[in-house]
């Protein structure tokens, strides 16, 4: 059953990605509407998959790399649907859907871990920690994608290439606004995720902080985003500087999410989590 829900989610999300790519080329509203509802359908199947996995495991379905990438893709789509309802920015889906589909493609290539889950992972604090961190990461992914779009659009304007692709992207002010609001809302979720993670560590390991590699890199990511948010709020950073810094911060965040877990060991590594 889990593989069926996963495959259906992957199929619809790939179809939606194709539709959004066609939309950014053709700029036809009916193509966007079809792609949007296909993505919503994929999101529903994806939700069923994660819900069923949670039921089977009795824990947040993020204990291996396959599940973590899938949950991240789900979080990105979830946040996109909220942002789309707020900003009504059709072209954003043409960047979000491929990003989520890319995560799902990698996830689909990794075998699913089976077997009993360690009791310490069956904690409500872990579920809260995972939920807040991934929603924060998803919001910051939207900020990253808006920054990419900003730099593309700015380059088009500077080179005076005011042709078809220029007209397909939003104004620089709109993209900067999306980047700003995504960071403003994403950073508190990231902060709450670190706090709940510390509470969970105290519950599971008897200490709030162990200088685990992922804890250290999570703090580094948090400090970079704190600096970016400070520059935006107190100094008035906007435009290209904010976009470039958003890309740098998100690169560190992705390394923390995947690279540290795979390369540096510690109790946050995927090899130390989940089924045994």
Protein backbone atom coordinates (compact mmCIF):
# COMPACT_ATOMS: atom_id res chain seq x y z
CA UNK A 1 0.00 0.00 0.00
CA UNK A 2 2.79 2.44 0.88
CA UNK A 3 4.55 1.91 -2.44
CA UNK A 4 1.26 2.50 -4.28
CA UNK A 5 0.66 5.86 -2.58
CA UNK A 6 4.29 6.84 -3.15
CA UNK A 7 4.23 5.90 -6.85
CA UNK A 8 0.95 7.74 -7.40
CA UNK A 9 2.34 10.83 -5.70
CA UNK A 10 5.51 10.64 -7.79
CA UNK A 11 3.55 10.16 -11.00
CA UNK A 12 1.22 13.12 -10.44
CA UNK A 13 4.03 15.38 -9.25
CA UNK A 14 6.07 14.56 -12.36
CA UNK A 15 3.02 15.24 -14.55
CA UNK A 16 2.49 18.55 -12.76
CA UNK A 17 6.14 19.44 -13.32
CA UNK A 18 5.76 18.82 -17.04
CA UNK A 19 2.62 20.93 -17.07
CA UNK A 20 4.26 23.82 -15.25
CA UNK A 21 7.18 23.75 -17.69
CA UNK A 22 4.70 23.94 -20.58
CA UNK A 23 2.96 26.81 -18.79
CA UNK A 24 6.10 28.93 -18.47
CA UNK A 25 6.65 28.46 -22.21
CA UNK A 26 3.08 28.88 -23.46
CA UNK A 27 1.69 31.19 -20.74
CA UNK A 28 -1.79 29.73 -21.08
CA UNK A 29 -3.96 29.93 -17.96
CA UNK A 30 -5.71 26.62 -18.58
CA UNK A 31 -2.31 24.88 -18.58
CA UNK A 32 -1.57 26.39 -15.16
CA UNK A 33 -4.96 25.34 -13.79
CA UNK A 34 -4.52 21.76 -14.99
CA UNK A 35 -0.97 21.59 -13.66
CA UNK A 36 -2.00 23.09 -10.34
CA UNK A 37 -4.78 20.57 -9.73
CA UNK A 38 -2.58 17.69 -10.86
CA UNK A 39 -0.04 18.85 -8.27
CA UNK A 40 -2.79 19.06 -5.63
CA UNK A 41 -3.80 15.49 -6.49
CA UNK A 42 -0.20 14.34 -6.13
CA UNK A 43 0.00 16.17 -2.81
CA UNK A 44 -3.10 14.31 -1.57
CA UNK A 45 -1.59 10.92 -2.50
CA UNK A 46 1.68 12.03 -0.93
CA UNK A 47 -0.18 12.90 2.28
CA UNK A 48 -1.79 9.45 2.32
CA UNK A 49 1.65 7.87 1.89
CA UNK A 50 3.18 9.82 4.77
CA UNK A 51 0.15 9.31 7.00
CA UNK A 52 0.20 5.55 6.40
CA UNK A 53 3.95 5.41 7.03
CA UNK A 54 3.43 7.28 10.30
CA UNK A 55 0.75 4.75 11.26
CA UNK A 56 3.01 1.79 10.45
CA UNK A 57 6.13 3.15 12.13
CA UNK A 58 4.54 4.93 15.04
CA UNK A 59 7.08 7.68 14.40
CA UNK A 60 7.70 10.58 12.06
CA UNK A 61 8.48 9.11 8.60
CA UNK A 62 11.92 10.74 8.25
CA UNK A 63 14.20 8.08 9.72
CA UNK A 64 16.02 7.26 6.49
CA UNK A 65 17.17 9.35 3.56
CA UNK A 66 14.37 8.12 1.26
CA UNK A 67 11.68 9.14 3.74
CA UNK A 68 13.37 12.42 4.65
CA UNK A 69 13.61 13.53 1.01
CA UNK A 70 10.00 12.52 0.43
CA UNK A 71 8.85 14.46 3.50
CA UNK A 72 10.85 17.50 2.36
CA UNK A 73 9.21 17.35 -1.08
CA UNK A 74 5.78 17.13 0.59
CA UNK A 75 6.62 20.11 2.84
CA UNK A 76 7.75 22.21 -0.13
CA UNK A 77 4.52 21.51 -2.03
CA UNK A 78 2.45 22.20 1.09
CA UNK A 79 4.10 25.58 1.60
CA UNK A 80 3.82 26.37 -2.11
CA UNK A 81 0.05 25.81 -2.03
CA UNK A 82 -0.22 28.29 0.85
CA UNK A 83 2.08 30.85 -0.84
CA UNK A 84 0.18 30.47 -4.11
CA UNK A 85 -3.09 31.21 -2.33
CA UNK A 86 -1.48 34.35 -0.85
CA UNK A 87 0.43 35.76 -3.85
CA UNK A 88 -1.41 34.22 -6.84
CA UNK A 89 1.92 33.92 -8.63
CA UNK A 90 1.41 31.30 -11.33
CA UNK A 91 5.00 31.11 -12.52
CA UNK A 92 6.26 30.12 -9.05
CA UNK A 93 4.91 26.61 -9.65
CA UNK A 94 7.25 26.27 -12.63
CA UNK A 95 10.17 26.43 -10.20
CA UNK A 96 8.65 24.72 -7.14
CA UNK A 97 7.24 21.65 -8.89
CA UNK A 98 10.56 20.67 -10.56
CA UNK A 99 12.37 21.14 -7.24
CA UNK A 100 9.90 18.90 -5.40
CA UNK A 101 9.92 16.36 -8.24
CA UNK A 102 13.72 16.28 -8.16
CA UNK A 103 13.61 15.40 -4.45
CA UNK A 104 11.03 12.69 -5.15
CA UNK A 105 13.07 11.21 -8.02
CA UNK A 106 16.09 10.84 -5.74
CA UNK A 107 13.85 9.42 -3.01
CA UNK A 108 12.35 6.87 -5.42
CA UNK A 109 15.84 5.57 -6.29
CA UNK A 110 16.66 4.75 -2.64
CA UNK A 111 15.43 1.46 -1.12
CA UNK A 112 12.87 1.77 1.67
CA UNK A 113 14.15 0.74 5.11
CA UNK A 114 12.01 -1.89 6.77
CA UNK A 115 11.94 -3.31 10.25
CA UNK A 116 11.14 -2.21 13.81
CA UNK A 117 11.75 1.37 14.87
CA UNK A 118 13.73 2.17 17.99
CA UNK A 119 11.39 3.14 20.86
CA UNK A 120 13.16 6.47 21.41
CA UNK A 121 11.94 7.64 17.97
CA UNK A 122 8.31 7.09 18.95
CA UNK A 123 8.04 10.43 20.66
CA UNK A 124 5.62 13.29 20.14
CA UNK A 125 8.53 15.71 20.61
CA UNK A 126 10.30 14.17 17.63
CA UNK A 127 7.17 14.59 15.51
CA UNK A 128 6.86 18.26 16.55
CA UNK A 129 10.58 18.79 15.94
CA UNK A 130 10.42 17.24 12.48
CA UNK A 131 7.24 19.11 11.52
CA UNK A 132 8.54 22.54 12.48
CA UNK A 133 12.00 22.01 10.96
CA UNK A 134 10.67 20.77 7.62
CA UNK A 135 8.06 23.51 7.31
CA UNK A 136 10.79 26.03 8.06
CA UNK A 137 13.09 24.40 5.50
CA UNK A 138 10.28 24.44 2.92
CA UNK A 139 9.64 28.16 3.44
CA UNK A 140 13.35 28.81 3.07
CA UNK A 141 13.33 26.70 -0.10
CA UNK A 142 10.66 29.04 -1.49
CA UNK A 143 12.91 31.98 -0.55
CA UNK A 144 15.77 30.25 -2.39
CA UNK A 145 13.69 29.70 -5.53
CA UNK A 146 12.44 33.30 -5.44
CA UNK A 147 16.09 34.40 -5.20
CA UNK A 148 16.98 32.30 -8.26
CA UNK A 149 14.10 33.88 -10.17
CA UNK A 150 15.21 37.34 -8.99
CA UNK A 151 18.74 36.89 -10.30
CA UNK A 152 17.47 35.56 -13.64
CA UNK A 153 15.09 38.49 -14.02
CA UNK A 154 17.70 41.04 -12.98
CA UNK A 155 20.15 39.62 -15.52
CA UNK A 156 17.50 39.86 -18.23
CA UNK A 157 16.91 43.52 -17.39
CA UNK A 158 20.59 44.46 -17.18
CA UNK A 159 21.31 42.84 -20.53
CA UNK A 160 18.21 44.53 -21.95
CA UNK A 161 16.76 41.18 -22.98
CA UNK A 162 13.20 42.30 -22.44
CA UNK A 163 11.75 39.54 -24.56
CA UNK A 164 9.55 36.57 -23.88
CA UNK A 165 11.28 35.13 -20.79
CA UNK A 166 11.41 38.55 -19.13
CA UNK A 167 7.65 38.87 -19.48
CA UNK A 168 7.11 35.41 -17.97
CA UNK A 169 8.76 36.25 -14.65
CA UNK A 170 7.28 38.58 -12.00
CA UNK A 171 8.70 41.98 -11.23
CA UNK A 172 11.84 42.26 -9.13
CA UNK A 173 9.80 43.87 -6.35
CA UNK A 174 7.38 40.93 -6.25
CA UNK A 175 10.19 38.37 -6.15
CA UNK A 176 11.98 40.30 -3.42
CA UNK A 177 8.73 40.40 -1.45
CA UNK A 178 8.28 36.62 -1.71
CA UNK A 179 11.86 36.11 -0.63
CA UNK A 180 11.36 38.44 2.32
CA UNK A 181 8.13 36.94 3.60
CA UNK A 182 9.40 33.36 3.16
CA UNK A 183 12.42 34.15 5.36
CA UNK A 184 10.37 36.11 7.90
CA UNK A 185 8.03 33.13 8.40
CA UNK A 186 10.59 30.39 7.77
CA UNK A 187 13.12 31.55 10.36
CA UNK A 188 10.74 31.25 13.36
CA UNK A 189 9.84 27.70 12.27
CA UNK A 190 13.56 26.89 12.00
CA UNK A 191 14.09 28.36 15.47
CA UNK A 192 11.17 26.43 16.93
CA UNK A 193 12.53 23.28 15.31
CA UNK A 194 15.86 23.73 17.07
CA UNK A 195 14.16 24.36 20.41
CA UNK A 196 11.92 21.30 20.13
CA UNK A 197 14.92 19.27 18.97
CA UNK A 198 16.76 20.23 22.15
CA UNK A 199 13.76 19.23 24.24
CA UNK A 200 13.58 15.90 22.42
CA UNK A 201 17.34 15.35 22.94
CA UNK A 202 16.88 15.92 26.68
CA UNK A 203 14.01 13.43 26.70
CA UNK A 204 15.83 10.78 24.62
CA UNK A 205 19.49 11.27 25.55
CA UNK A 206 19.44 13.14 28.84
CA UNK A 207 21.08 16.32 27.50
CA UNK A 208 19.90 19.32 25.52
CA UNK A 209 23.09 19.59 23.44
CA UNK A 210 25.82 17.09 22.51
CA UNK A 211 27.86 18.96 19.90
CA UNK A 212 26.72 16.38 17.38
CA UNK A 213 27.85 17.41 13.84
CA UNK A 214 24.27 18.05 12.72
CA UNK A 215 23.56 20.12 15.82
CA UNK A 216 26.62 22.24 15.10
CA UNK A 217 25.75 22.72 11.42
CA UNK A 218 22.12 23.42 12.28
CA UNK A 219 23.37 26.21 14.54
CA UNK A 220 25.59 27.50 11.72
CA UNK A 221 22.60 27.51 9.34
CA UNK A 222 20.49 29.30 11.94
CA UNK A 223 23.18 31.95 12.47
CA UNK A 224 23.46 32.62 8.73
CA UNK A 225 19.70 33.05 8.41
CA UNK A 226 19.66 35.19 11.56
CA UNK A 227 22.28 37.43 9.97
CA UNK A 228 20.29 37.62 6.73
CA UNK A 229 17.08 38.45 8.57
CA UNK A 230 18.89 41.10 10.63
CA UNK A 231 20.28 42.69 7.47
CA UNK A 232 16.85 42.72 5.87
CA UNK A 233 15.01 44.11 8.89
CA UNK A 234 17.58 46.42 10.50
CA UNK A 235 19.88 47.44 7.67
CA UNK A 236 17.34 47.38 4.85
CA UNK A 237 18.93 44.77 2.61
CA UNK A 238 16.88 43.94 -0.45
CA UNK A 239 17.30 43.02 -4.07
CA UNK A 240 20.40 41.26 -5.32
CA UNK A 241 22.32 41.18 -2.03
CA UNK A 242 19.42 39.55 -0.24
CA UNK A 243 18.92 37.09 -3.11
CA UNK A 244 22.58 36.02 -3.18
CA UNK A 245 22.67 35.64 0.60
CA UNK A 246 19.47 33.56 0.47
CA UNK A 247 21.16 31.18 -1.97
CA UNK A 248 24.26 30.93 0.24
CA UNK A 249 22.15 30.27 3.35
CA UNK A 250 20.05 27.63 1.62
CA UNK A 251 23.18 25.88 0.33
CA UNK A 252 24.39 25.59 3.93
CA UNK A 253 20.94 24.37 4.98
CA UNK A 254 20.94 21.63 2.32
CA UNK A 255 24.44 20.54 3.35
CA UNK A 256 23.20 20.35 6.94
CA UNK A 257 20.15 18.34 5.88
CA UNK A 258 21.86 15.80 3.61
CA UNK A 259 25.63 16.18 3.62
CA UNK A 260 26.19 16.17 7.37
CA UNK A 261 23.84 13.22 7.89
CA UNK A 262 25.64 11.14 5.26
CA UNK A 263 29.25 12.21 5.74
CA UNK A 264 29.86 13.18 9.34
CA UNK A 265 28.17 10.51 11.43
CA UNK A 266 26.73 11.25 14.86
CA UNK A 267 23.37 10.27 16.27
CA UNK A 268 21.62 12.34 13.60
CA UNK A 269 23.15 10.31 10.76
CA UNK A 270 20.71 8.21 8.76
CA UNK A 271 22.78 5.10 9.51
CA UNK A 272 22.02 5.50 13.23
CA UNK A 273 18.29 6.06 12.80
CA UNK A 274 15.22 4.02 12.05
CA UNK A 275 14.89 0.35 11.40
CA UNK A 276 17.26 -2.17 12.81
